[in-house]
Amino acid sequence: MAAPHTGVLQQQAAVMDSVYGPWTGSGWRPAAFERTAPRYLWTDAFGVVNYLTLYKDTQEDMYLQQALALVDAVHNTLGHHRAHFSGGSAAAAAAPPAEWLPGASEQHPTAGGLRIGKPHPEGHPDGDGQYFHYLTKWAFALAAVAEATGDSKYLSWALDLVQRVHPAFVYQAGTGPKRMHWKMGIDLAHPAVASMGNLDPYDGLVTYSLLQGLAERHGFGGSSVLQAEIADMQAIVAAKFKSYHSDGPLDLGEALWLAHWQLASSSSSSSAATHTSPAAAAAAAPWAAHVADVSLASLEQLWGDGYFEQPLKWRLAFREFGTSIGLQALMSVRPDLPGWHLWQQRVADIHATWGGKNLSTRDNDITPVMYATSLNPGLWLRGHWRL
C-alpha cells in the first residue's frame, strides 16, 4: 500500500493540532473539548488511531506519545463517574476525577465500561450513558495501540472492556436470537434505549474477531478468549443481515468499513490479501458481501438524488466523512471495484467541500478529527495490520 504524500501527513497533523493542541514535550496533555464534556469517546477513538497512523507513517515518537496520553486522558475521565463541577470544559478537565465506574480500577480502567462523554447527565433525553458502537470503537483503538507498540496491556484493556459490556448489552429475547440494547446507563445496570442499533451486531462481530486474532498472537487464552461473545454476534448477524438497509451517509460508510474487514480481497496481489487471517476475515463472510453491496447501491442512490449537492446547512460534515472513510476502506480491498475512479473522485469532492473554512462550522472536535481520518485512514484499514 502506497505511503501517503508528505503534504497529506502535514495536513492531517495540522488538523490534529487544531483539536488537541500542538506537541509541547513530555508534559503534553490533550486539550479539553469545548462543545461536550472534556472527553468524548467516539471522537477520541478516532483521535488515538489518527495519532498512531501518523506515528506509523512518519516514525516520529511524539505522535505515539500523544496517542498514549489521549488513552490515559479518556480512561481518567470516561472510566469514572461524572465529576461534579460548574463551568465549561476547562473546569471539567481540571476537576478531580470522581470514583471509577463499578468494576474498574487504575489497573483495569475499562472494566466498568466507558461513558459516552455527553454534556448532559443521565435522565436528559440526550444524556450520558454507554453506547455499544462507541465502546467497540474504543476497543479497536486500544487494539491499534497494542499493534503499534507491542504492549499487550492495551489488548488486555480492550478484552476487559468487551467482556464487561457484552453481557450488559446482549440479552436473550424469548426463544429467538439474542438481541442488543442500543444504549445503557452509566453503570450498565439498566438500558437507556432498549432498541437495537442498526450496525451494533456487525460492530461487535468485527471488533471481537480482530481482538480474538490479536489475543491468539499475544497468548491471551488461545482461541477461546472471546469464543462465546463471537458466537452471540454471529447468530445475531446471521438473523438480520439479509434485511440490512440504511439511507444515512454515516451509517452507510460505517457499514462499508465494517464489511471490508471480512470481505475477500478481489486481487491476490493487493496488500489487504496478505494481511488477512481467519480471525479477521472470517472466511469472507457472506454478510459482508451483502452489506457492502447494499451500502454501495444506497450511496449511489444518494448521489443520484442530489443529496451531496444540497446546501451545506442541511448536511453534516462528520456524517459525510463516514462515507468517505468507508469508501476508502472498501476500495482498499476491492481495487477492481466498478466505478473505482468515480468513487475516488467522490471522496475527493467530500474533502474539498468540507475542508478549509467549512470544517469547523458545526464543531471543533468530531468533525475535524474524522476529516483527519479521511485524509489518511491508515490503521483504520485492515491492510495496515499484521494479522
Protein backbone atom coordinates (compact mmCIF):
# COMPACT_ATOMS: atom_id res chain seq x y z
CA MET A 1 0.00 0.00 0.00
CA ALA A 2 1.49 3.32 -1.10
CA ALA A 3 2.62 5.71 1.62
CA PRO A 4 0.61 8.96 1.84
CA HIS A 5 2.10 12.11 0.36
CA THR A 6 4.03 14.33 2.77
CA GLY A 7 1.52 17.12 2.21
CA VAL A 8 -1.33 14.88 3.35
CA LEU A 9 0.55 13.95 6.51
CA GLN A 10 1.24 17.61 7.25
CA GLN A 11 -2.42 18.45 6.74
CA GLN A 12 -3.55 15.57 8.93
CA ALA A 13 -1.12 16.61 11.68
CA ALA A 14 -2.23 20.25 11.48
CA VAL A 15 -5.87 19.27 11.92
CA MET A 16 -4.99 17.12 14.93
CA ASP A 17 -3.01 20.03 16.43
CA SER A 18 -6.04 22.30 15.99
CA VAL A 19 -8.19 19.90 18.02
CA TYR A 20 -5.89 18.54 20.70
CA GLY A 21 -3.19 21.18 20.82
CA PRO A 22 0.36 21.07 19.40
CA TRP A 23 3.04 18.89 20.90
CA THR A 24 4.70 20.63 23.86
CA GLY A 25 7.01 17.92 25.07
CA SER A 26 6.71 15.12 27.61
CA GLY A 27 4.12 17.02 29.64
CA TRP A 28 1.67 17.27 26.72
CA ARG A 29 -1.98 16.64 27.52
CA PRO A 30 -4.87 16.70 25.04
CA ALA A 31 -6.92 19.88 25.09
CA ALA A 32 -10.41 19.64 26.54
CA PHE A 33 -13.29 19.79 24.08
CA GLU A 34 -15.45 22.90 24.18
CA ARG A 35 -18.80 21.58 22.94
CA THR A 36 -19.06 18.42 25.03
CA ALA A 37 -17.54 17.22 28.27
CA PRO A 38 -13.71 17.35 28.25
CA ARG A 39 -13.51 13.96 26.54
CA TYR A 40 -15.87 12.28 24.05
CA LEU A 41 -15.39 8.58 23.41
CA TRP A 42 -16.18 8.40 19.68
CA THR A 43 -14.05 11.40 18.78
CA ASP A 44 -11.13 10.32 20.94
CA ALA A 45 -11.14 6.79 19.48
CA PHE A 46 -10.60 8.35 16.07
CA GLY A 47 -8.02 10.68 17.61
CA VAL A 48 -5.94 7.83 19.04
CA VAL A 49 -5.89 5.93 15.76
CA ASN A 50 -5.04 9.10 13.83
CA TYR A 51 -2.02 9.69 16.07
CA LEU A 52 -0.93 6.07 15.64
CA THR A 53 -1.28 6.39 11.87
CA LEU A 54 0.91 9.50 11.92
CA TYR A 55 3.44 7.63 14.06
CA LYS A 56 3.45 4.68 11.66
CA ASP A 57 3.84 6.90 8.59
CA THR A 58 6.45 9.32 9.97
CA GLN A 59 8.20 7.31 12.74
CA GLU A 60 8.08 10.47 14.87
CA ASP A 61 7.76 9.39 18.50
CA MET A 62 5.75 12.43 19.55
CA TYR A 63 2.68 11.04 17.77
CA LEU A 64 2.91 7.80 19.72
CA GLN A 65 3.23 9.74 22.96
CA GLN A 66 0.17 11.80 22.04
CA ALA A 67 -1.82 8.63 21.39
CA LEU A 68 -0.83 7.17 24.75
CA ALA A 69 -1.59 10.42 26.59
CA LEU A 70 -5.02 10.56 24.96
CA VAL A 71 -5.73 6.97 26.04
CA ASP A 72 -4.88 7.88 29.63
CA ALA A 73 -6.99 11.04 29.49
CA VAL A 74 -10.02 9.08 28.28
CA HIS A 75 -9.67 6.41 30.94
CA ASN A 76 -9.14 9.00 33.67
CA THR A 77 -12.31 10.84 32.61
CA LEU A 78 -14.78 8.48 30.95
CA GLY A 79 -13.78 5.47 33.05
CA HIS A 80 -15.03 7.41 36.08
CA HIS A 81 -18.43 8.63 37.18
CA ARG A 82 -19.31 12.15 36.14
CA ALA A 83 -17.41 14.77 38.14
CA HIS A 84 -19.43 17.45 39.94
CA PHE A 85 -18.28 20.84 38.75
CA SER A 86 -19.60 24.14 37.48
CA GLY A 87 -18.21 25.86 34.42
CA GLY A 88 -17.18 24.80 30.96
CA SER A 89 -14.92 22.13 29.57
CA ALA A 90 -11.77 23.68 31.04
CA ALA A 91 -13.28 23.42 34.52
CA ALA A 92 -14.28 19.84 33.82
CA ALA A 93 -10.77 18.98 32.70
CA ALA A 94 -9.30 20.50 35.87
CA ALA A 95 -11.81 18.86 38.23
CA PRO A 96 -10.50 15.95 40.33
CA PRO A 97 -11.66 12.59 38.96
CA ALA A 98 -14.75 11.03 40.50
CA GLU A 99 -14.92 7.38 41.51
CA TRP A 100 -14.15 4.68 38.98
CA LEU A 101 -17.14 3.04 37.31
CA PRO A 102 -18.18 -0.23 39.02
CA GLY A 103 -15.54 -2.89 38.43
CA ALA A 104 -12.89 -0.51 37.09
CA SER A 105 -9.58 0.46 38.70
CA GLU A 106 -6.26 2.01 37.79
CA GLN A 107 -5.01 -1.45 36.75
CA HIS A 108 -8.22 -2.24 34.85
CA PRO A 109 -9.54 1.14 33.69
CA THR A 110 -12.01 -0.28 31.16
CA ALA A 111 -13.52 -2.98 33.37
CA GLY A 112 -16.56 -0.82 34.10
CA GLY A 113 -17.11 0.24 30.51
CA LEU A 114 -16.64 3.87 29.46
CA ARG A 115 -19.06 6.76 29.42
CA ILE A 116 -20.04 8.44 26.16
CA GLY A 117 -18.97 11.87 27.39
CA LYS A 118 -22.20 13.78 26.72
CA PRO A 119 -22.56 17.13 28.49
CA HIS A 120 -25.98 16.28 29.93
CA PRO A 121 -26.42 13.84 32.83
CA GLU A 122 -28.44 10.65 32.76
CA GLY A 123 -32.17 11.29 32.62
CA HIS A 124 -31.83 14.01 29.98
CA PRO A 125 -33.19 12.99 26.52
CA ASP A 126 -29.62 13.22 25.21
CA GLY A 127 -27.91 12.35 28.46
CA ASP A 128 -24.73 10.47 29.26
CA GLY A 129 -24.51 6.69 29.37
CA GLN A 130 -22.74 3.99 27.37
CA TYR A 131 -23.13 3.30 23.62
CA PHE A 132 -22.09 -0.09 22.29
CA HIS A 133 -20.81 1.31 18.99
CA TYR A 134 -18.64 3.84 20.84
CA LEU A 135 -17.24 1.10 23.08
CA THR A 136 -16.28 -1.07 20.11
CA LYS A 137 -14.54 1.93 18.55
CA TRP A 138 -12.53 2.36 21.73
CA ALA A 139 -11.70 -1.36 21.87
CA PHE A 140 -10.45 -1.02 18.28
CA ALA A 141 -8.31 1.98 19.27
CA LEU A 142 -6.77 0.04 22.17
CA ALA A 143 -6.06 -2.86 19.81
CA ALA A 144 -4.32 -0.40 17.48
CA VAL A 145 -2.14 0.80 20.37
CA ALA A 146 -1.19 -2.81 21.13
CA GLU A 147 -0.44 -3.34 17.43
CA ALA A 148 1.73 -0.20 17.24
CA THR A 149 3.64 -0.68 20.50
CA GLY A 150 3.67 -4.44 21.08
CA ASP A 151 2.46 -3.70 24.64
CA SER A 152 -0.16 -6.32 25.46
CA LYS A 153 -1.51 -4.18 28.33
CA TYR A 154 -3.65 -2.31 25.83
CA LEU A 155 -5.01 -5.52 24.36
CA SER A 156 -5.83 -6.69 27.87
CA TRP A 157 -7.77 -3.47 28.47
CA ALA A 158 -9.69 -3.99 25.21
CA LEU A 159 -10.60 -7.53 26.29
CA ASP A 160 -11.62 -6.26 29.74
CA LEU A 161 -13.92 -3.78 28.04
CA VAL A 162 -15.60 -6.32 25.77
CA GLN A 163 -16.03 -8.92 28.48
CA ARG A 164 -17.64 -6.35 30.78
CA VAL A 165 -20.04 -4.66 28.36
CA HIS A 166 -21.10 -7.63 26.22
CA PRO A 167 -23.38 -9.24 28.84
CA ALA A 168 -24.87 -5.83 29.64
CA PHE A 169 -25.83 -5.04 26.05
CA VAL A 170 -26.67 -8.53 24.73
CA TYR A 171 -29.70 -10.34 26.09
CA GLN A 172 -31.95 -13.29 25.29
CA ALA A 173 -35.37 -12.36 23.87
CA GLY A 174 -37.63 -15.38 24.30
CA THR A 175 -36.60 -18.38 22.22
CA GLY A 176 -35.34 -16.43 19.22
CA PRO A 177 -31.89 -14.97 18.53
CA LYS A 178 -30.37 -12.76 21.15
CA ARG A 179 -30.85 -9.03 20.84
CA MET A 180 -28.98 -5.93 21.91
CA HIS A 181 -29.71 -2.69 23.72
CA TRP A 182 -28.53 0.43 21.89
CA LYS A 183 -27.69 2.50 24.98
CA MET A 184 -27.08 1.57 28.60
CA GLY A 185 -26.92 3.63 31.76
CA ILE A 186 -23.56 4.74 33.05
CA ASP A 187 -23.34 1.81 35.49
CA LEU A 188 -24.52 -0.69 32.83
CA ALA A 189 -27.29 -1.82 35.19
CA HIS A 190 -30.25 -0.78 33.03
CA PRO A 191 -30.96 0.02 29.37
CA ALA A 192 -31.38 3.68 28.49
CA VAL A 193 -32.58 2.83 24.96
CA ALA A 194 -33.82 -0.73 24.59
CA SER A 195 -33.93 -0.95 20.79
CA MET A 196 -31.02 -2.43 18.81
CA GLY A 197 -28.69 -0.25 16.76
CA ASN A 198 -28.65 -0.96 13.03
CA LEU A 199 -24.94 -1.82 12.93
CA ASP A 200 -24.18 -2.81 16.53
CA PRO A 201 -24.03 -6.59 15.89
CA TYR A 202 -21.65 -6.06 12.97
CA ASP A 203 -19.54 -3.73 15.13
CA GLY A 204 -19.35 -6.45 17.73
CA LEU A 205 -18.53 -9.26 15.31
CA VAL A 206 -15.76 -7.36 13.51
CA THR A 207 -14.19 -5.93 16.67
CA TYR A 208 -14.37 -9.20 18.60
CA SER A 209 -12.88 -11.12 15.67
CA LEU A 210 -9.99 -8.67 15.43
CA LEU A 211 -9.36 -8.88 19.18
CA GLN A 212 -9.55 -12.67 19.07
CA GLY A 213 -6.86 -12.81 16.40
CA LEU A 214 -4.61 -10.47 18.37
CA ALA A 215 -5.25 -12.42 21.58
CA GLU A 216 -4.13 -15.62 19.91
CA ARG A 217 -0.96 -13.93 18.74
CA HIS A 218 -0.24 -12.47 22.18
CA GLY A 219 -1.07 -15.68 24.03
CA PHE A 220 -4.25 -14.45 25.72
CA GLY A 221 -6.34 -17.55 26.33
CA GLY A 222 -5.80 -19.20 22.97
CA SER A 223 -8.74 -19.40 20.60
CA SER A 224 -11.41 -19.32 23.29
CA VAL A 225 -10.97 -15.92 24.91
CA LEU A 226 -13.95 -14.37 23.07
CA GLN A 227 -15.46 -17.55 21.66
CA ALA A 228 -18.86 -17.17 23.34
CA GLU A 229 -19.12 -13.45 22.55
CA ILE A 230 -18.26 -14.02 18.88
CA ALA A 231 -20.84 -16.81 18.67
CA ASP A 232 -23.51 -14.44 20.01
CA MET A 233 -22.67 -11.82 17.39
CA GLN A 234 -22.51 -14.35 14.57
CA ALA A 235 -26.01 -15.55 15.43
CA ILE A 236 -27.46 -12.02 15.55
CA VAL A 237 -25.78 -11.03 12.29
CA ALA A 238 -26.94 -14.23 10.57
CA ALA A 239 -30.52 -13.47 11.60
CA LYS A 240 -30.58 -9.86 10.39
CA PHE A 241 -28.04 -9.21 7.61
CA LYS A 242 -30.36 -10.05 4.70
CA SER A 243 -32.74 -7.30 5.79
CA TYR A 244 -30.00 -4.69 6.23
CA HIS A 245 -30.75 -1.26 4.81
CA SER A 246 -29.85 2.34 5.51
CA ASP A 247 -30.03 5.72 3.82
CA GLY A 248 -27.71 7.68 6.13
CA PRO A 249 -24.23 8.63 4.89
CA LEU A 250 -22.52 7.92 8.21
CA ASP A 251 -24.28 4.58 8.65
CA LEU A 252 -23.52 3.53 5.07
CA GLY A 253 -19.87 4.46 5.35
CA GLU A 254 -19.57 2.67 8.68
CA ALA A 255 -21.16 -0.41 7.10
CA LEU A 256 -18.58 -0.38 4.29
CA TRP A 257 -15.77 -0.03 6.82
CA LEU A 258 -17.11 -2.97 8.85
CA ALA A 259 -17.64 -5.12 5.76
CA HIS A 260 -14.13 -4.54 4.42
CA TRP A 261 -12.68 -6.42 7.43
CA GLN A 262 -14.45 -9.61 6.41
CA LEU A 263 -14.56 -9.31 2.63
CA ALA A 264 -12.38 -11.43 0.39
CA SER A 265 -9.90 -9.26 -1.47
CA SER A 266 -10.67 -9.02 -5.18
CA SER A 267 -6.97 -9.22 -6.05
CA SER A 268 -4.47 -11.71 -4.69
CA SER A 269 -1.77 -9.14 -5.25
CA SER A 270 -3.38 -6.45 -3.13
CA SER A 271 -1.78 -5.63 0.19
CA ALA A 272 -5.01 -6.45 2.02
CA ALA A 273 -4.88 -10.03 0.84
CA THR A 274 -1.54 -10.57 2.52
CA HIS A 275 -2.81 -9.21 5.82
CA THR A 276 -5.94 -11.28 6.31
CA SER A 277 -6.26 -14.08 8.86
CA PRO A 278 -9.22 -16.35 9.53
CA ALA A 279 -9.94 -14.42 12.71
CA ALA A 280 -10.01 -11.10 10.87
CA ALA A 281 -11.68 -12.13 7.62
CA ALA A 282 -13.91 -14.96 8.92
CA ALA A 283 -13.62 -16.86 5.64
CA ALA A 284 -15.04 -13.98 3.57
CA ALA A 285 -18.32 -13.89 5.47
CA PRO A 286 -21.48 -13.75 3.29
CA TRP A 287 -22.92 -10.92 5.41
CA ALA A 288 -20.00 -8.68 4.46
CA ALA A 289 -20.57 -9.01 0.71
CA HIS A 290 -24.29 -8.38 1.10
CA VAL A 291 -23.91 -5.37 3.39
CA ALA A 292 -21.21 -3.87 1.15
CA ASP A 293 -23.36 -4.29 -1.98
CA VAL A 294 -26.45 -2.78 -0.36
CA SER A 295 -24.48 0.11 1.13
CA LEU A 296 -22.75 0.93 -2.13
CA ALA A 297 -26.06 0.88 -4.01
CA SER A 298 -27.63 3.14 -1.38
CA LEU A 299 -24.76 5.62 -1.65
CA GLU A 300 -25.14 5.61 -5.43
CA GLN A 301 -28.80 6.44 -4.90
CA LEU A 302 -27.92 9.31 -2.56
CA TRP A 303 -25.55 10.77 -5.14
CA GLY A 304 -28.15 10.28 -7.88
CA ASP A 305 -30.80 12.01 -5.78
CA GLY A 306 -28.55 15.02 -5.24
CA TYR A 307 -28.00 14.52 -1.52
CA PHE A 308 -24.36 15.60 -1.77
CA GLU A 309 -25.32 18.71 -3.73
CA GLN A 310 -27.69 20.13 -1.11
CA PRO A 311 -26.83 23.39 0.69
CA LEU A 312 -24.31 22.76 3.44
CA LYS A 313 -26.73 23.99 6.11
CA TRP A 314 -28.79 20.83 5.53
CA ARG A 315 -25.81 18.47 5.80
CA LEU A 316 -23.39 17.32 8.48
CA ALA A 317 -19.72 17.02 7.59
CA PHE A 318 -18.80 14.26 10.03
CA ARG A 319 -21.51 12.03 8.57
CA GLU A 320 -20.10 12.52 5.09
CA PHE A 321 -16.61 11.77 6.37
CA GLY A 322 -18.11 8.46 7.49
CA THR A 323 -18.96 7.91 3.84
CA SER A 324 -15.51 8.87 2.59
CA ILE A 325 -13.74 6.68 5.17
CA GLY A 326 -15.95 3.71 4.33
CA LEU A 327 -15.43 4.12 0.60
CA GLN A 328 -11.66 4.19 1.05
CA ALA A 329 -11.87 1.04 3.18
CA LEU A 330 -13.84 -0.78 0.51
CA MET A 331 -11.54 0.39 -2.29
CA SER A 332 -8.51 -0.82 -0.31
CA VAL A 333 -9.71 -4.43 -0.66
CA ARG A 334 -11.53 -4.08 -3.99
CA PRO A 335 -9.10 -2.45 -6.44
CA ASP A 336 -11.27 -3.69 -9.31
CA LEU A 337 -14.46 -2.20 -7.86
CA PRO A 338 -16.70 -1.00 -10.73
CA GLY A 339 -16.52 2.78 -10.89
CA TRP A 340 -13.42 2.83 -8.66
CA HIS A 341 -12.18 6.15 -10.08
CA LEU A 342 -15.62 7.74 -9.73
CA TRP A 343 -15.80 6.72 -6.08
CA GLN A 344 -12.28 8.06 -5.57
CA GLN A 345 -13.37 11.39 -7.06
CA ARG A 346 -16.40 11.46 -4.80
CA VAL A 347 -14.13 11.03 -1.77
CA ALA A 348 -12.05 13.95 -3.03
CA ASP A 349 -15.22 16.01 -3.55
CA ILE A 350 -16.27 15.45 0.07
CA HIS A 351 -12.84 16.60 1.24
CA ALA A 352 -12.98 19.66 -1.00
CA THR A 353 -16.48 20.57 0.16
CA TRP A 354 -15.75 20.47 3.87
CA GLY A 355 -12.05 21.30 4.09
CA GLY A 356 -10.88 24.81 4.93
CA LYS A 357 -13.41 27.35 6.22
CA ASN A 358 -16.31 24.87 6.28
CA LEU A 359 -14.55 22.38 8.54
CA SER A 360 -15.41 23.93 11.90
CA THR A 361 -18.79 25.50 11.21
CA ARG A 362 -20.54 22.94 13.47
CA ASP A 363 -17.85 21.93 15.99
CA ASN A 364 -14.13 21.82 16.68
CA ASP A 365 -13.85 18.16 17.64
CA ILE A 366 -15.72 15.30 15.97
CA THR A 367 -15.80 16.90 12.51
CA PRO A 368 -12.11 17.84 12.15
CA VAL A 369 -10.94 14.59 13.78
CA MET A 370 -12.96 12.48 11.33
CA TYR A 371 -11.69 14.69 8.49
CA ALA A 372 -8.15 13.89 9.60
CA THR A 373 -9.05 10.20 9.47
CA SER A 374 -10.49 10.51 5.99
CA LEU A 375 -7.42 12.34 4.71
CA ASN A 376 -5.28 9.34 5.69
CA PRO A 377 -7.24 6.36 7.12
CA GLY A 378 -4.08 4.38 7.86
CA LEU A 379 -4.70 1.94 10.70
CA TRP A 380 -8.44 2.07 10.13
CA LEU A 381 -7.75 -0.13 7.08
CA ARG A 382 -7.07 -3.82 7.52
CA GLY A 383 -4.12 -3.78 5.12
CA HIS A 384 -2.14 -1.83 7.72
CA TRP A 385 -2.38 -4.60 10.34
CA ARG A 386 -0.12 -7.64 10.84
CA LEU A 387 -2.90 -10.19 11.09
